[in-house]
Amino acid sequence: MGIFDDMLDAAFASDIGESASYTPAGGQAASITVIPRRGDELESFSGTRIKTSERAVFDIRKSELAAPAEGDAIVHAGLDWVIKYVTTKDDNRLIWVIECIPGA
């Protein structure tokens, strides 16, 4: 998959990739690169958009993070997040999509 890996590396190394920290439950923190995506759920009500939840969604390369799990922590842009859901994004399964809620 060399060309796909090279393309992903370029995307994560570009301006859209941002530094973060990942800590597995009971483990040591490690630096990772994430691509944050809008995680707020918005609903319309009488022409007004209402934020219905606080959450964050991060894309993370599998080559950088082997096995994220619910309850693990991510710190991004000075905010603490707790992983609630992990899935893959692409057919080649090279990217994790990690949904988080605010940490304590």
C-alpha atoms as a PDB file:
ATOM      1  CA  MET A   1       0.000   0.000   0.000  1.00  0.00           C
ATOM      2  CA  GLY A   2       2.988   2.304  -0.342  1.00  0.00           C
ATOM      3  CA  ILE A   3       1.321   5.052  -2.358  1.00  0.00           C
ATOM      4  CA  PHE A   4      -1.646   5.252   0.050  1.00  0.00           C
ATOM      5  CA  ASP A   5       0.690   5.442   3.033  1.00  0.00           C
ATOM      6  CA  ASP A   6       2.642   8.230   1.321  1.00  0.00           C
ATOM      7  CA  MET A   7      -0.552  10.170   0.595  1.00  0.00           C
ATOM      8  CA  LEU A   8      -1.734   9.814   4.189  1.00  0.00           C
ATOM      9  CA  ASP A   9       1.639  10.889   5.542  1.00  0.00           C
ATOM     10  CA  ALA A  10       1.490  14.001   3.351  1.00  0.00           C
ATOM     11  CA  ALA A  11      -2.045  14.854   4.504  1.00  0.00           C
ATOM     12  CA  PHE A  12      -1.208  14.455   8.182  1.00  0.00           C
ATOM     13  CA  ALA A  13       2.054  16.410   7.780  1.00  0.00           C
ATOM     14  CA  SER A  14       0.236  19.304   6.076  1.00  0.00           C
ATOM     15  CA  ASP A  15      -1.508  22.207   7.772  1.00  0.00           C
ATOM     16  CA  ILE A  16      -4.556  20.069   8.540  1.00  0.00           C
ATOM     17  CA  GLY A  17      -2.612  17.675  10.773  1.00  0.00           C
ATOM     18  CA  GLU A  18      -2.344  18.876  14.384  1.00  0.00           C
ATOM     19  CA  SER A  19      -0.393  17.718  17.416  1.00  0.00           C
ATOM     20  CA  ALA A  20      -2.182  15.873  20.192  1.00  0.00           C
ATOM     21  CA  SER A  21      -1.428  13.499  23.035  1.00  0.00           C
ATOM     22  CA  TYR A  22      -2.901  10.013  23.444  1.00  0.00           C
ATOM     23  CA  THR A  23      -2.983   8.147  26.753  1.00  0.00           C
ATOM     24  CA  PRO A  24      -4.320   4.597  26.988  1.00  0.00           C
ATOM     25  CA  ALA A  25      -6.145   3.735  30.230  1.00  0.00           C
ATOM     26  CA  GLY A  26      -3.432   3.172  32.834  1.00  0.00           C
ATOM     27  CA  GLY A  27      -0.635   3.856  30.337  1.00  0.00           C
ATOM     28  CA  GLN A  28       1.898   6.464  29.286  1.00  0.00           C
ATOM     29  CA  ALA A  29       1.070   9.495  27.133  1.00  0.00           C
ATOM     30  CA  ALA A  30       2.393   9.534  23.560  1.00  0.00           C
ATOM     31  CA  SER A  31       2.477  12.310  20.963  1.00  0.00           C
ATOM     32  CA  ILE A  32       0.299  11.746  17.906  1.00  0.00           C
ATOM     33  CA  THR A  33      -0.927  13.733  14.915  1.00  0.00           C
ATOM     34  CA  VAL A  34      -4.665  14.111  14.417  1.00  0.00           C
ATOM     35  CA  ILE A  35      -6.956  15.674  11.865  1.00  0.00           C
ATOM     36  CA  PRO A  36      -9.771  17.168  13.931  1.00  0.00           C
ATOM     37  CA  ARG A  37     -13.256  17.331  12.439  1.00  0.00           C
ATOM     38  CA  ARG A  38     -16.333  19.168  13.601  1.00  0.00           C
ATOM     39  CA  GLY A  39     -18.040  16.995  16.168  1.00  0.00           C
ATOM     40  CA  ASP A  40     -20.927  19.187  17.273  1.00  0.00           C
ATOM     41  CA  GLU A  41     -24.357  17.893  16.411  1.00  0.00           C
ATOM     42  CA  LEU A  42     -26.559  20.748  15.235  1.00  0.00           C
ATOM     43  CA  GLU A  43     -30.298  20.660  14.837  1.00  0.00           C
ATOM     44  CA  SER A  44     -32.592  23.264  13.328  1.00  0.00           C
ATOM     45  CA  PHE A  45     -35.576  24.525  15.243  1.00  0.00           C
ATOM     46  CA  SER A  46     -37.685  27.352  13.795  1.00  0.00           C
ATOM     47  CA  GLY A  47     -34.746  28.576  11.713  1.00  0.00           C
ATOM     48  CA  THR A  48     -32.322  28.521  14.652  1.00  0.00           C
ATOM     49  CA  ARG A  49     -29.453  26.045  14.823  1.00  0.00           C
ATOM     50  CA  ILE A  50     -28.954  24.474  18.244  1.00  0.00           C
ATOM     51  CA  LYS A  51     -25.870  22.606  19.454  1.00  0.00           C
ATOM     52  CA  THR A  52     -27.141  19.367  20.978  1.00  0.00           C
ATOM     53  CA  SER A  53     -23.914  17.783  22.199  1.00  0.00           C
ATOM     54  CA  GLU A  54     -20.289  18.468  22.933  1.00  0.00           C
ATOM     55  CA  ARG A  55     -17.999  15.996  21.247  1.00  0.00           C
ATOM     56  CA  ALA A  56     -14.883  15.829  19.136  1.00  0.00           C
ATOM     57  CA  VAL A  57     -14.022  13.621  16.185  1.00  0.00           C
ATOM     58  CA  PHE A  58     -10.425  12.890  15.227  1.00  0.00           C
ATOM     59  CA  ASP A  59      -8.888  11.042  12.277  1.00  0.00           C
ATOM     60  CA  ILE A  60      -5.694   9.250  13.314  1.00  0.00           C
ATOM     61  CA  ARG A  61      -3.397   7.050  11.236  1.00  0.00           C
ATOM     62  CA  LYS A  62      -3.350   3.408  12.292  1.00  0.00           C
ATOM     63  CA  SER A  63       0.396   3.427  11.716  1.00  0.00           C
ATOM     64  CA  GLU A  64       0.650   5.909  14.585  1.00  0.00           C
ATOM     65  CA  LEU A  65      -1.895   4.396  16.980  1.00  0.00           C
ATOM     66  CA  ALA A  66      -2.292   0.621  17.060  1.00  0.00           C
ATOM     67  CA  ALA A  67      -5.340  -0.029  19.239  1.00  0.00           C
ATOM     68  CA  PRO A  68      -7.311   2.920  20.629  1.00  0.00           C
ATOM     69  CA  ALA A  69     -10.104   1.917  22.993  1.00  0.00           C
ATOM     70  CA  GLU A  70     -13.116   3.384  24.723  1.00  0.00           C
ATOM     71  CA  GLY A  71     -12.021   5.179  27.896  1.00  0.00           C
ATOM     72  CA  ASP A  72      -8.576   6.157  26.582  1.00  0.00           C
ATOM     73  CA  ALA A  73      -7.748   9.888  26.570  1.00  0.00           C
ATOM     74  CA  ILE A  74      -6.761  12.441  23.939  1.00  0.00           C
ATOM     75  CA  VAL A  75      -5.558  15.964  24.681  1.00  0.00           C
ATOM     76  CA  HIS A  76      -5.886  18.348  21.744  1.00  0.00           C
ATOM     77  CA  ALA A  77      -5.615  22.151  21.712  1.00  0.00           C
ATOM     78  CA  GLY A  78      -5.491  22.172  25.502  1.00  0.00           C
ATOM     79  CA  LEU A  79      -8.766  20.250  25.895  1.00  0.00           C
ATOM     80  CA  ASP A  80      -9.155  16.803  27.457  1.00  0.00           C
ATOM     81  CA  TRP A  81     -11.253  14.220  25.614  1.00  0.00           C
ATOM     82  CA  VAL A  82     -12.310  10.649  26.473  1.00  0.00           C
ATOM     83  CA  ILE A  83     -12.747   8.131  23.657  1.00  0.00           C
ATOM     84  CA  LYS A  84     -16.301   6.813  23.333  1.00  0.00           C
ATOM     85  CA  TYR A  85     -16.306   5.191  19.884  1.00  0.00           C
ATOM     86  CA  VAL A  86     -13.639   3.915  17.492  1.00  0.00           C
ATOM     87  CA  THR A  87     -14.138   2.856  13.869  1.00  0.00           C
ATOM     88  CA  THR A  88     -12.248   2.897  10.576  1.00  0.00           C
ATOM     89  CA  LYS A  89     -12.777   5.437   7.830  1.00  0.00           C
ATOM     90  CA  ASP A  90     -11.497   3.945   4.642  1.00  0.00           C
ATOM     91  CA  ASP A  91     -11.656   0.696   2.692  1.00  0.00           C
ATOM     92  CA  ASN A  92      -7.933   0.109   3.286  1.00  0.00           C
ATOM     93  CA  ARG A  93      -8.412   0.536   7.054  1.00  0.00           C
ATOM     94  CA  LEU A  94      -5.524   2.977   7.391  1.00  0.00           C
ATOM     95  CA  ILE A  95      -7.333   5.619   9.455  1.00  0.00           C
ATOM     96  CA  TRP A  96      -9.124   5.457  12.784  1.00  0.00           C
ATOM     97  CA  VAL A  97     -12.159   7.679  13.274  1.00  0.00           C
ATOM     98  CA  ILE A  98     -12.340   8.386  16.978  1.00  0.00           C
ATOM     99  CA  GLU A  99     -15.333  10.077  18.600  1.00  0.00           C
ATOM    100  CA  CYS A 100     -14.772  11.635  22.005  1.00  0.00           C
ATOM    101  CA  ILE A 101     -16.662  13.383  24.785  1.00  0.00           C
ATOM    102  CA  PRO A 102     -15.191  16.012  27.124  1.00  0.00           C
ATOM    103  CA  GLY A 103     -12.878  14.585  29.768  1.00  0.00           C
ATOM    104  CA  ALA A 104     -13.119  15.188  33.492  1.00  0.00           C
END
